[in-house]
Amino acid sequence: MEEGTFLAEYQPLVYSQMKKNVEHERLAHAYLFEGDSGTGKHEMSIWLAKRLFCEAEEKPCNQCINCLRIEMGEHPNVRTVAPDGQTIKVDQIRQLQAEFSKSGFETRQQVFIIQQAEKMNISAANSLLKFLEEPTGSFLAILETNALGRILPTIQSRCQVIHFSPLPKEKLQERLQKDGITPQTAELLTSLTNSYDKAVEISHDEWFNGAKDIVLKWFEYLKKNDPQSFIFVQKRLLTIAKEKSQQRLILAILLFYFQRERNQFLVQKIQVDGINRNLELILQAQQKLDANVSFQGVAEQLVLRIIQ
């Protein structure tokens, strides 16, 4: 999906605002794009760069040499900085400044994009701050972050902050399905997170893909009030619930299955009082787990309360 199409569909307000800024030549010299991973921050950065350098009448065309070089990360006037390991180091920012101060470059438009800008170490952040305060030539600076609070206030004050809204669940499900994730799994993933990157990460997790099927089996026992659901806790759940995060996820997946059944019942105009009660019991179980009650105790008590 081209950047413009993605942005128009998933971030229409930001896209409309930035498009007007370009058309009316009102671009700021520095932007701070903030929002969850996968909400279109980098797509907007690339779209802006293409829009500035595209040779076609309808910009960006995604076909001219400039658009293609930007797409491949090979355009000499568009540079991207990303963390080197865990941080962005001061040498990376200094190298960026050195490139921009080379003879001839100061008279031409430059674009630099800093991904995961919150990972700049103090020296790198201070070096960038000086660059923003004393710009060399004509440039557009774009900082991308999903942790605005970790960006120096002095840097924030020199940038125009653009907020990228979380993707609506329906749009996130659509995007995940376009990536080959089944509708059922996409629906489950969007009940667990509103971050595209996190959803993709979970979908590739071997533990998750095994656990969702095991929890589905537990759900099937529970909704039939089958005593097997109690034995199932020891027989299957405890074998996959070694860590606290896994235990939380098991209850979250179970909650999703009951919520999905509730929605199906509502469509069919079937009474949902029993399911509502089960949902409340699962929410109470989550609170007990967070209060450090053992997972086995929480799960077994939940079973007994549901099947009574």
C-alpha atoms as a PDB file:
ATOM      1  CA  MET A   1       0.000   0.000   0.000  1.00  0.00           C
ATOM      2  CA  GLU A   2       1.408   3.414  -1.015  1.00  0.00           C
ATOM      3  CA  GLU A   3       2.038   5.892   1.805  1.00  0.00           C
ATOM      4  CA  GLY A   4      -0.616   8.362   0.615  1.00  0.00           C
ATOM      5  CA  THR A   5      -3.293   5.670   0.346  1.00  0.00           C
ATOM      6  CA  PHE A   6      -2.427   4.297   3.786  1.00  0.00           C
ATOM      7  CA  LEU A   7      -2.446   7.750   5.397  1.00  0.00           C
ATOM      8  CA  ALA A   8      -5.668   8.880   3.722  1.00  0.00           C
ATOM      9  CA  GLU A   9      -7.384   5.732   5.015  1.00  0.00           C
ATOM     10  CA  TYR A  10      -5.868   5.370   8.495  1.00  0.00           C
ATOM     11  CA  GLN A  11      -4.832   8.939   9.448  1.00  0.00           C
ATOM     12  CA  PRO A  12      -7.156  11.184   7.404  1.00  0.00           C
ATOM     13  CA  LEU A  13      -6.852  14.255   9.679  1.00  0.00           C
ATOM     14  CA  VAL A  14      -3.038  14.199   9.770  1.00  0.00           C
ATOM     15  CA  TYR A  15      -2.853  13.496   6.041  1.00  0.00           C
ATOM     16  CA  SER A  16      -5.212  16.372   5.209  1.00  0.00           C
ATOM     17  CA  GLN A  17      -3.297  18.757   7.481  1.00  0.00           C
ATOM     18  CA  MET A  18       0.158  17.885   6.094  1.00  0.00           C
ATOM     19  CA  LYS A  19      -1.089  17.911   2.493  1.00  0.00           C
ATOM     20  CA  LYS A  20      -2.400  21.472   2.974  1.00  0.00           C
ATOM     21  CA  ASN A  21       0.854  22.542   4.628  1.00  0.00           C
ATOM     22  CA  VAL A  22       2.842  21.354   1.608  1.00  0.00           C
ATOM     23  CA  GLU A  23       0.447  22.814  -0.965  1.00  0.00           C
ATOM     24  CA  HIS A  24       0.437  26.223   0.735  1.00  0.00           C
ATOM     25  CA  GLU A  25       4.193  26.110   1.474  1.00  0.00           C
ATOM     26  CA  ARG A  26       3.582  26.279   5.211  1.00  0.00           C
ATOM     27  CA  LEU A  27       5.846  23.434   6.279  1.00  0.00           C
ATOM     28  CA  ALA A  28       7.612  23.930   9.597  1.00  0.00           C
ATOM     29  CA  HIS A  29      11.353  23.271   9.620  1.00  0.00           C
ATOM     30  CA  ALA A  30      10.974  20.539  12.268  1.00  0.00           C
ATOM     31  CA  TYR A  31       8.190  18.070  13.090  1.00  0.00           C
ATOM     32  CA  LEU A  32       7.774  15.614  15.932  1.00  0.00           C
ATOM     33  CA  PHE A  33       5.481  12.757  14.885  1.00  0.00           C
ATOM     34  CA  GLU A  34       4.194  10.976  17.984  1.00  0.00           C
ATOM     35  CA  GLY A  35       1.867   7.999  18.361  1.00  0.00           C
ATOM     36  CA  ASP A  36       1.749   4.231  18.723  1.00  0.00           C
ATOM     37  CA  SER A  37       3.863   1.980  16.528  1.00  0.00           C
ATOM     38  CA  GLY A  38       2.211   1.164  13.228  1.00  0.00           C
ATOM     39  CA  THR A  39      -0.018   4.257  13.090  1.00  0.00           C
ATOM     40  CA  GLY A  40       1.684   5.751  10.035  1.00  0.00           C
ATOM     41  CA  LYS A  41       4.445   8.014  11.396  1.00  0.00           C
ATOM     42  CA  HIS A  42       7.150   6.673   9.085  1.00  0.00           C
ATOM     43  CA  GLU A  43       4.755   6.471   6.134  1.00  0.00           C
ATOM     44  CA  MET A  44       4.121  10.200   6.607  1.00  0.00           C
ATOM     45  CA  SER A  45       7.859  10.930   6.781  1.00  0.00           C
ATOM     46  CA  ILE A  46       8.469   9.110   3.489  1.00  0.00           C
ATOM     47  CA  TRP A  47       5.400  10.676   1.867  1.00  0.00           C
ATOM     48  CA  LEU A  48       6.641  14.166   2.763  1.00  0.00           C
ATOM     49  CA  ALA A  49      10.130  13.459   1.419  1.00  0.00           C
ATOM     50  CA  LYS A  50       8.705  12.128  -1.846  1.00  0.00           C
ATOM     51  CA  ARG A  51       6.318  15.072  -2.084  1.00  0.00           C
ATOM     52  CA  LEU A  52       9.224  17.509  -1.815  1.00  0.00           C
ATOM     53  CA  PHE A  53      11.495  15.825  -4.370  1.00  0.00           C
ATOM     54  CA  CYS A  54       9.058  14.221  -6.827  1.00  0.00           C
ATOM     55  CA  GLU A  55       9.607  15.290 -10.457  1.00  0.00           C
ATOM     56  CA  ALA A  56       6.057  14.584 -11.652  1.00  0.00           C
ATOM     57  CA  GLU A  57       3.145  17.001 -11.856  1.00  0.00           C
ATOM     58  CA  GLU A  58       1.004  14.830  -9.560  1.00  0.00           C
ATOM     59  CA  LYS A  59       3.201  14.467  -6.480  1.00  0.00           C
ATOM     60  CA  PRO A  60       4.284  12.007  -5.252  1.00  0.00           C
ATOM     61  CA  CYS A  61       4.135   9.745  -8.308  1.00  0.00           C
ATOM     62  CA  ASN A  62       6.068   6.825  -6.711  1.00  0.00           C
ATOM     63  CA  GLN A  63       7.602   6.188 -10.144  1.00  0.00           C
ATOM     64  CA  CYS A  64      10.182   8.917 -10.848  1.00  0.00           C
ATOM     65  CA  ILE A  65      13.847   8.416  -9.965  1.00  0.00           C
ATOM     66  CA  ASN A  66      13.581  10.595  -6.852  1.00  0.00           C
ATOM     67  CA  CYS A  67      10.545   8.738  -5.463  1.00  0.00           C
ATOM     68  CA  LEU A  68      12.197   5.386  -6.156  1.00  0.00           C
ATOM     69  CA  ARG A  69      15.507   6.416  -4.550  1.00  0.00           C
ATOM     70  CA  ILE A  70      13.685   7.673  -1.450  1.00  0.00           C
ATOM     71  CA  GLU A  71      11.723   4.404  -1.305  1.00  0.00           C
ATOM     72  CA  MET A  72      14.996   2.441  -1.395  1.00  0.00           C
ATOM     73  CA  GLY A  73      16.723   4.747   1.112  1.00  0.00           C
ATOM     74  CA  GLU A  74      19.278   5.884  -1.462  1.00  0.00           C
ATOM     75  CA  HIS A  75      18.414   9.550  -2.054  1.00  0.00           C
ATOM     76  CA  PRO A  76      21.385  11.806  -1.227  1.00  0.00           C
ATOM     77  CA  ASN A  77      19.170  14.554   0.198  1.00  0.00           C
ATOM     78  CA  VAL A  78      17.039  12.303   2.403  1.00  0.00           C
ATOM     79  CA  ARG A  79      18.746  10.669   5.357  1.00  0.00           C
ATOM     80  CA  THR A  80      17.321   8.383   8.035  1.00  0.00           C
ATOM     81  CA  VAL A  81      18.848   7.814  11.457  1.00  0.00           C
ATOM     82  CA  ALA A  82      17.790   4.801  13.530  1.00  0.00           C
ATOM     83  CA  PRO A  83      19.079   3.404  16.846  1.00  0.00           C
ATOM     84  CA  ASP A  84      22.492   1.769  16.689  1.00  0.00           C
ATOM     85  CA  GLY A  85      21.776  -1.045  19.122  1.00  0.00           C
ATOM     86  CA  GLN A  86      19.768   0.286  22.069  1.00  0.00           C
ATOM     87  CA  THR A  87      20.406   3.992  21.501  1.00  0.00           C
ATOM     88  CA  ILE A  88      20.983   6.724  18.934  1.00  0.00           C
ATOM     89  CA  LYS A  89      24.528   7.908  19.585  1.00  0.00           C
ATOM     90  CA  VAL A  90      26.023  11.376  19.332  1.00  0.00           C
ATOM     91  CA  ASP A  91      28.322  10.286  16.466  1.00  0.00           C
ATOM     92  CA  GLN A  92      25.254   9.467  14.367  1.00  0.00           C
ATOM     93  CA  ILE A  93      23.901  13.003  14.809  1.00  0.00           C
ATOM     94  CA  ARG A  94      27.323  14.542  14.162  1.00  0.00           C
ATOM     95  CA  GLN A  95      27.680  12.522  10.967  1.00  0.00           C
ATOM     96  CA  LEU A  96      24.277  13.788   9.870  1.00  0.00           C
ATOM     97  CA  GLN A  97      25.378  17.383  10.516  1.00  0.00           C
ATOM     98  CA  ALA A  98      28.622  16.807   8.636  1.00  0.00           C
ATOM     99  CA  GLU A  99      26.778  15.510   5.581  1.00  0.00           C
ATOM    100  CA  PHE A 100      24.462  18.513   5.574  1.00  0.00           C
ATOM    101  CA  SER A 101      27.306  21.009   5.886  1.00  0.00           C
ATOM    102  CA  LYS A 102      29.212  19.670   2.872  1.00  0.00           C
ATOM    103  CA  SER A 103      29.895  22.142   0.098  1.00  0.00           C
ATOM    104  CA  GLY A 104      26.873  22.620  -2.151  1.00  0.00           C
ATOM    105  CA  PHE A 105      24.376  20.952   0.149  1.00  0.00           C
ATOM    106  CA  GLU A 106      23.509  24.092   2.100  1.00  0.00           C
ATOM    107  CA  THR A 107      21.726  25.592  -0.923  1.00  0.00           C
ATOM    108  CA  ARG A 108      19.554  22.506  -1.557  1.00  0.00           C
ATOM    109  CA  GLN A 109      16.560  21.137   0.332  1.00  0.00           C
ATOM    110  CA  GLN A 110      17.514  18.457   2.829  1.00  0.00           C
ATOM    111  CA  VAL A 111      15.311  16.045   4.765  1.00  0.00           C
ATOM    112  CA  PHE A 112      16.397  14.019   7.746  1.00  0.00           C
ATOM    113  CA  ILE A 113      14.262  11.496   9.581  1.00  0.00           C
ATOM    114  CA  ILE A 114      15.061  10.229  13.070  1.00  0.00           C
ATOM    115  CA  GLN A 115      13.265   7.010  13.910  1.00  0.00           C
ATOM    116  CA  GLN A 116      12.592   6.086  17.566  1.00  0.00           C
ATOM    117  CA  ALA A 117      13.835   9.540  18.539  1.00  0.00           C
ATOM    118  CA  GLU A 118      13.209   8.780  22.231  1.00  0.00           C
ATOM    119  CA  LYS A 119      16.261   6.494  22.069  1.00  0.00           C
ATOM    120  CA  MET A 120      18.725   9.357  21.567  1.00  0.00           C
ATOM    121  CA  ASN A 121      21.215   9.431  24.417  1.00  0.00           C
ATOM    122  CA  ILE A 122      21.746  12.757  26.184  1.00  0.00           C
ATOM    123  CA  SER A 123      24.743  13.731  24.067  1.00  0.00           C
ATOM    124  CA  ALA A 124      22.905  12.936  20.837  1.00  0.00           C
ATOM    125  CA  ALA A 125      19.834  14.876  21.967  1.00  0.00           C
ATOM    126  CA  ASN A 126      21.907  17.928  22.893  1.00  0.00           C
ATOM    127  CA  SER A 127      23.763  17.756  19.584  1.00  0.00           C
ATOM    128  CA  LEU A 128      20.450  17.621  17.703  1.00  0.00           C
ATOM    129  CA  LEU A 129      19.117  20.515  19.776  1.00  0.00           C
ATOM    130  CA  LYS A 130      22.042  22.688  18.708  1.00  0.00           C
ATOM    131  CA  PHE A 131      21.411  21.691  15.103  1.00  0.00           C
ATOM    132  CA  LEU A 132      17.741  22.724  15.383  1.00  0.00           C
ATOM    133  CA  GLU A 133      18.686  26.019  17.067  1.00  0.00           C
ATOM    134  CA  GLU A 134      21.368  26.889  14.505  1.00  0.00           C
ATOM    135  CA  PRO A 135      20.183  25.322  11.220  1.00  0.00           C
ATOM    136  CA  THR A 136      22.548  25.070   8.268  1.00  0.00           C
ATOM    137  CA  GLY A 137      20.830  25.685   4.937  1.00  0.00           C
ATOM    138  CA  SER A 138      17.311  24.570   4.091  1.00  0.00           C
ATOM    139  CA  PHE A 139      16.175  21.383   5.763  1.00  0.00           C
ATOM    140  CA  LEU A 140      13.138  19.535   7.058  1.00  0.00           C
ATOM    141  CA  ALA A 141      13.666  17.602  10.287  1.00  0.00           C
ATOM    142  CA  ILE A 142      11.239  14.819  11.189  1.00  0.00           C
ATOM    143  CA  LEU A 143      11.467  13.024  14.527  1.00  0.00           C
ATOM    144  CA  GLU A 144       9.327   9.919  15.057  1.00  0.00           C
ATOM    145  CA  THR A 145       8.486   8.619  18.536  1.00  0.00           C
ATOM    146  CA  ASN A 146       5.981   6.488  20.438  1.00  0.00           C
ATOM    147  CA  ALA A 147       7.162   7.935  23.779  1.00  0.00           C
ATOM    148  CA  LEU A 148       6.767  11.718  23.658  1.00  0.00           C
ATOM    149  CA  GLY A 149       7.561  12.081  27.368  1.00  0.00           C
ATOM    150  CA  ARG A 150      11.106  10.825  26.753  1.00  0.00           C
ATOM    151  CA  ILE A 151      11.922  13.605  24.277  1.00  0.00           C
ATOM    152  CA  LEU A 152      13.690  16.624  25.795  1.00  0.00           C
ATOM    153  CA  PRO A 153      11.206  19.495  26.340  1.00  0.00           C
ATOM    154  CA  THR A 154      13.668  21.841  24.646  1.00  0.00           C
ATOM    155  CA  ILE A 155      13.551  19.677  21.503  1.00  0.00           C
ATOM    156  CA  GLN A 156       9.755  19.444  21.675  1.00  0.00           C
ATOM    157  CA  SER A 157       9.525  23.246  21.867  1.00  0.00           C
ATOM    158  CA  ARG A 158      11.448  23.574  18.587  1.00  0.00           C
ATOM    159  CA  CYS A 159       9.238  21.127  16.709  1.00  0.00           C
ATOM    160  CA  GLN A 160       5.629  21.125  15.627  1.00  0.00           C
ATOM    161  CA  VAL A 161       4.137  18.091  17.365  1.00  0.00           C
ATOM    162  CA  ILE A 162       1.776  16.002  15.216  1.00  0.00           C
ATOM    163  CA  HIS A 163      -0.288  13.343  17.010  1.00  0.00           C
ATOM    164  CA  PHE A 164      -1.063  10.082  15.199  1.00  0.00           C
ATOM    165  CA  SER A 165      -4.232   8.528  16.607  1.00  0.00           C
ATOM    166  CA  PRO A 166      -4.390   4.810  17.451  1.00  0.00           C
ATOM    167  CA  LEU A 167      -5.903   2.819  14.614  1.00  0.00           C
ATOM    168  CA  PRO A 168      -9.600   2.008  15.167  1.00  0.00           C
ATOM    169  CA  LYS A 169     -10.051  -1.713  15.844  1.00  0.00           C
ATOM    170  CA  GLU A 170     -11.823  -2.282  12.523  1.00  0.00           C
ATOM    171  CA  LYS A 171      -9.005  -0.607  10.559  1.00  0.00           C
ATOM    172  CA  LEU A 172      -6.360  -2.474  12.549  1.00  0.00           C
ATOM    173  CA  GLN A 173      -8.132  -5.769  11.837  1.00  0.00           C
ATOM    174  CA  GLU A 174      -8.260  -4.905   8.130  1.00  0.00           C
ATOM    175  CA  ARG A 175      -4.550  -4.144   8.056  1.00  0.00           C
ATOM    176  CA  LEU A 176      -3.660  -7.370   9.872  1.00  0.00           C
ATOM    177  CA  GLN A 177      -5.819  -9.398   7.493  1.00  0.00           C
ATOM    178  CA  LYS A 178      -4.081  -7.774   4.523  1.00  0.00           C
ATOM    179  CA  ASP A 179      -0.853  -9.118   6.032  1.00  0.00           C
ATOM    180  CA  GLY A 180      -2.243 -12.667   5.883  1.00  0.00           C
ATOM    181  CA  ILE A 181      -3.562 -12.992   9.448  1.00  0.00           C
ATOM    182  CA  THR A 182      -6.889 -14.837   9.650  1.00  0.00           C
ATOM    183  CA  PRO A 183     -10.000 -12.769  10.556  1.00  0.00           C
ATOM    184  CA  GLN A 184     -10.462 -14.726  13.813  1.00  0.00           C
ATOM    185  CA  THR A 185      -6.864 -14.187  14.933  1.00  0.00           C
ATOM    186  CA  ALA A 186      -6.950 -10.521  13.837  1.00  0.00           C
ATOM    187  CA  GLU A 187     -10.056  -9.998  15.971  1.00  0.00           C
ATOM    188  CA  LEU A 188      -8.350 -11.637  18.959  1.00  0.00           C
ATOM    189  CA  LEU A 189      -5.164  -9.591  18.488  1.00  0.00           C
ATOM    190  CA  THR A 190      -7.059  -6.293  18.397  1.00  0.00           C
ATOM    191  CA  SER A 191      -8.730  -7.207  21.678  1.00  0.00           C
ATOM    192  CA  LEU A 192      -5.241  -7.540  23.210  1.00  0.00           C
ATOM    193  CA  THR A 193      -3.532  -4.442  21.748  1.00  0.00           C
ATOM    194  CA  ASN A 194      -4.257  -1.375  19.596  1.00  0.00           C
ATOM    195  CA  SER A 195      -0.668  -1.320  18.276  1.00  0.00           C
ATOM    196  CA  TYR A 196      -0.115  -2.774  14.799  1.00  0.00           C
ATOM    197  CA  ASP A 197       3.528  -3.643  15.498  1.00  0.00           C
ATOM    198  CA  LYS A 198       2.647  -5.325  18.801  1.00  0.00           C
ATOM    199  CA  ALA A 199      -0.175  -7.280  17.149  1.00  0.00           C
ATOM    200  CA  VAL A 200       2.175  -8.556  14.444  1.00  0.00           C
ATOM    201  CA  GLU A 201       4.772  -9.440  17.079  1.00  0.00           C
ATOM    202  CA  ILE A 202       2.199 -11.427  19.094  1.00  0.00           C
ATOM    203  CA  SER A 203       0.927 -13.181  15.952  1.00  0.00           C
ATOM    204  CA  HIS A 204       4.419 -14.520  15.269  1.00  0.00           C
ATOM    205  CA  ASP A 205       4.881 -15.757  18.833  1.00  0.00           C
ATOM    206  CA  GLU A 206       4.916 -19.552  19.010  1.00  0.00           C
ATOM    207  CA  TRP A 207       3.599 -19.587  22.593  1.00  0.00           C
ATOM    208  CA  PHE A 208       0.609 -17.397  21.656  1.00  0.00           C
ATOM    209  CA  ASN A 209      -0.342 -19.527  18.671  1.00  0.00           C
ATOM    210  CA  GLY A 210      -0.393 -22.640  20.852  1.00  0.00           C
ATOM    211  CA  ALA A 211      -2.051 -20.957  23.833  1.00  0.00           C
ATOM    212  CA  LYS A 212      -4.998 -19.456  21.924  1.00  0.00           C
ATOM    213  CA  ASP A 213      -6.073 -22.948  20.814  1.00  0.00           C
ATOM    214  CA  ILE A 214      -5.671 -24.388  24.319  1.00  0.00           C
ATOM    215  CA  VAL A 215      -7.705 -21.542  25.852  1.00  0.00           C
ATOM    216  CA  LEU A 216     -10.356 -22.055  23.157  1.00  0.00           C
ATOM    217  CA  LYS A 217     -10.693 -25.669  24.306  1.00  0.00           C
ATOM    218  CA  TRP A 218     -11.030 -24.479  27.934  1.00  0.00           C
ATOM    219  CA  PHE A 219     -13.692 -22.011  26.843  1.00  0.00           C
ATOM    220  CA  GLU A 220     -15.630 -24.792  25.101  1.00  0.00           C
ATOM    221  CA  TYR A 221     -15.663 -26.833  28.338  1.00  0.00           C
ATOM    222  CA  LEU A 222     -16.670 -23.808  30.428  1.00  0.00           C
ATOM    223  CA  LYS A 223     -19.575 -22.697  28.264  1.00  0.00           C
ATOM    224  CA  LYS A 224     -21.048 -26.224  28.524  1.00  0.00           C
ATOM    225  CA  ASN A 225     -20.484 -26.245  32.314  1.00  0.00           C
ATOM    226  CA  ASP A 226     -18.385 -29.371  31.787  1.00  0.00           C
ATOM    227  CA  PRO A 227     -16.468 -30.541  34.927  1.00  0.00           C
ATOM    228  CA  GLN A 228     -13.591 -31.354  32.547  1.00  0.00           C
ATOM    229  CA  SER A 229     -12.850 -27.628  32.640  1.00  0.00           C
ATOM    230  CA  PHE A 230     -11.560 -28.031  36.210  1.00  0.00           C
ATOM    231  CA  ILE A 231      -9.242 -30.946  35.342  1.00  0.00           C
ATOM    232  CA  PHE A 232      -8.125 -28.976  32.257  1.00  0.00           C
ATOM    233  CA  VAL A 233      -6.557 -26.306  34.485  1.00  0.00           C
ATOM    234  CA  GLN A 234      -3.986 -28.739  35.880  1.00  0.00           C
ATOM    235  CA  LYS A 235      -3.721 -30.906  32.816  1.00  0.00           C
ATOM    236  CA  ARG A 236      -3.105 -28.192  30.204  1.00  0.00           C
ATOM    237  CA  LEU A 237      -3.181 -24.599  31.485  1.00  0.00           C
ATOM    238  CA  LEU A 238      -0.522 -24.923  34.174  1.00  0.00           C
ATOM    239  CA  THR A 239       1.888 -26.389  31.601  1.00  0.00           C
ATOM    240  CA  ILE A 240       1.751 -23.183  29.514  1.00  0.00           C
ATOM    241  CA  ALA A 241       1.282 -20.618  32.295  1.00  0.00           C
ATOM    242  CA  LYS A 242       4.808 -20.424  33.688  1.00  0.00           C
ATOM    243  CA  GLU A 243       5.167 -16.635  33.650  1.00  0.00           C
ATOM    244  CA  LYS A 244       2.896 -13.895  34.986  1.00  0.00           C
ATOM    245  CA  SER A 245       2.576 -12.335  31.536  1.00  0.00           C
ATOM    246  CA  GLN A 246       1.422 -15.670  30.127  1.00  0.00           C
ATOM    247  CA  GLN A 247      -1.125 -16.092  32.928  1.00  0.00           C
ATOM    248  CA  ARG A 248      -2.545 -12.618  32.245  1.00  0.00           C
ATOM    249  CA  LEU A 249      -2.745 -13.372  28.552  1.00  0.00           C
ATOM    250  CA  ILE A 250      -4.617 -16.648  29.158  1.00  0.00           C
ATOM    251  CA  LEU A 251      -7.347 -14.802  31.056  1.00  0.00           C
ATOM    252  CA  ALA A 252      -7.422 -12.031  28.434  1.00  0.00           C
ATOM    253  CA  ILE A 253      -7.896 -14.600  25.653  1.00  0.00           C
ATOM    254  CA  LEU A 254     -10.655 -16.341  27.636  1.00  0.00           C
ATOM    255  CA  LEU A 255     -12.362 -12.967  28.133  1.00  0.00           C
ATOM    256  CA  PHE A 256     -12.229 -12.390  24.375  1.00  0.00           C
ATOM    257  CA  TYR A 257     -13.900 -15.742  23.599  1.00  0.00           C
ATOM    258  CA  PHE A 258     -16.763 -15.026  25.999  1.00  0.00           C
ATOM    259  CA  GLN A 259     -17.140 -11.466  24.657  1.00  0.00           C
ATOM    260  CA  ARG A 260     -17.267 -12.774  21.095  1.00  0.00           C
ATOM    261  CA  GLU A 261     -20.009 -15.267  22.043  1.00  0.00           C
ATOM    262  CA  ARG A 262     -21.902 -12.471  23.799  1.00  0.00           C
ATOM    263  CA  ASN A 263     -21.796 -10.362  20.631  1.00  0.00           C
ATOM    264  CA  GLN A 264     -23.061 -13.305  18.571  1.00  0.00           C
ATOM    265  CA  PHE A 265     -25.929 -13.855  21.027  1.00  0.00           C
ATOM    266  CA  LEU A 266     -26.878 -10.175  20.882  1.00  0.00           C
ATOM    267  CA  VAL A 267     -27.094 -10.340  17.079  1.00  0.00           C
ATOM    268  CA  GLN A 268     -29.391 -13.359  17.402  1.00  0.00           C
ATOM    269  CA  LYS A 269     -31.385 -11.622  20.191  1.00  0.00           C
ATOM    270  CA  ILE A 270     -30.563 -14.389  22.672  1.00  0.00           C
ATOM    271  CA  GLN A 271     -30.435 -13.596  26.399  1.00  0.00           C
ATOM    272  CA  VAL A 272     -26.883 -12.868  27.559  1.00  0.00           C
ATOM    273  CA  ASP A 273     -27.339 -12.692  31.346  1.00  0.00           C
ATOM    274  CA  GLY A 274     -25.279 -15.852  31.888  1.00  0.00           C
ATOM    275  CA  ILE A 275     -22.451 -14.620  29.684  1.00  0.00           C
ATOM    276  CA  ASN A 276     -22.464 -11.219  31.388  1.00  0.00           C
ATOM    277  CA  ARG A 277     -22.027 -13.006  34.719  1.00  0.00           C
ATOM    278  CA  ASN A 278     -19.124 -15.046  33.320  1.00  0.00           C
ATOM    279  CA  LEU A 279     -17.464 -11.901  31.979  1.00  0.00           C
ATOM    280  CA  GLU A 280     -17.691 -10.324  35.439  1.00  0.00           C
ATOM    281  CA  LEU A 281     -16.156 -13.453  36.989  1.00  0.00           C
ATOM    282  CA  ILE A 282     -13.225 -13.336  34.541  1.00  0.00           C
ATOM    283  CA  LEU A 283     -12.641  -9.644  35.297  1.00  0.00           C
ATOM    284  CA  GLN A 284     -12.613 -10.492  39.013  1.00  0.00           C
ATOM    285  CA  ALA A 285     -10.151 -13.321  38.308  1.00  0.00           C
ATOM    286  CA  GLN A 286      -7.842 -10.855  36.533  1.00  0.00           C
ATOM    287  CA  GLN A 287      -7.926  -8.582  39.595  1.00  0.00           C
ATOM    288  CA  LYS A 288      -7.050 -11.502  41.882  1.00  0.00           C
ATOM    289  CA  LEU A 289      -4.143 -12.484  39.646  1.00  0.00           C
ATOM    290  CA  ASP A 290      -2.866  -8.889  39.755  1.00  0.00           C
ATOM    291  CA  ALA A 291      -3.167  -9.064  43.574  1.00  0.00           C
ATOM    292  CA  ASN A 292      -0.683 -11.978  43.467  1.00  0.00           C
ATOM    293  CA  VAL A 293      -3.132 -14.812  44.109  1.00  0.00           C
ATOM    294  CA  SER A 294      -1.648 -17.956  42.530  1.00  0.00           C
ATOM    295  CA  PHE A 295      -2.740 -18.633  38.962  1.00  0.00           C
ATOM    296  CA  GLN A 296      -3.837 -22.172  39.789  1.00  0.00           C
ATOM    297  CA  GLY A 297      -6.048 -20.913  42.622  1.00  0.00           C
ATOM    298  CA  VAL A 298      -7.495 -18.143  40.454  1.00  0.00           C
ATOM    299  CA  ALA A 299      -8.212 -20.471  37.505  1.00  0.00           C
ATOM    300  CA  GLU A 300      -9.729 -23.272  39.589  1.00  0.00           C
ATOM    301  CA  GLN A 301     -11.958 -20.889  41.543  1.00  0.00           C
ATOM    302  CA  LEU A 302     -13.054 -19.302  38.279  1.00  0.00           C
ATOM    303  CA  VAL A 303     -14.069 -22.703  36.906  1.00  0.00           C
ATOM    304  CA  LEU A 304     -16.080 -23.574  40.026  1.00  0.00           C
ATOM    305  CA  ARG A 305     -17.917 -20.243  39.973  1.00  0.00           C
ATOM    306  CA  ILE A 306     -18.749 -20.521  36.250  1.00  0.00           C
ATOM    307  CA  ILE A 307     -19.966 -24.128  36.197  1.00  0.00           C
ATOM    308  CA  GLN A 308     -22.025 -23.920  39.415  1.00  0.00           C
END
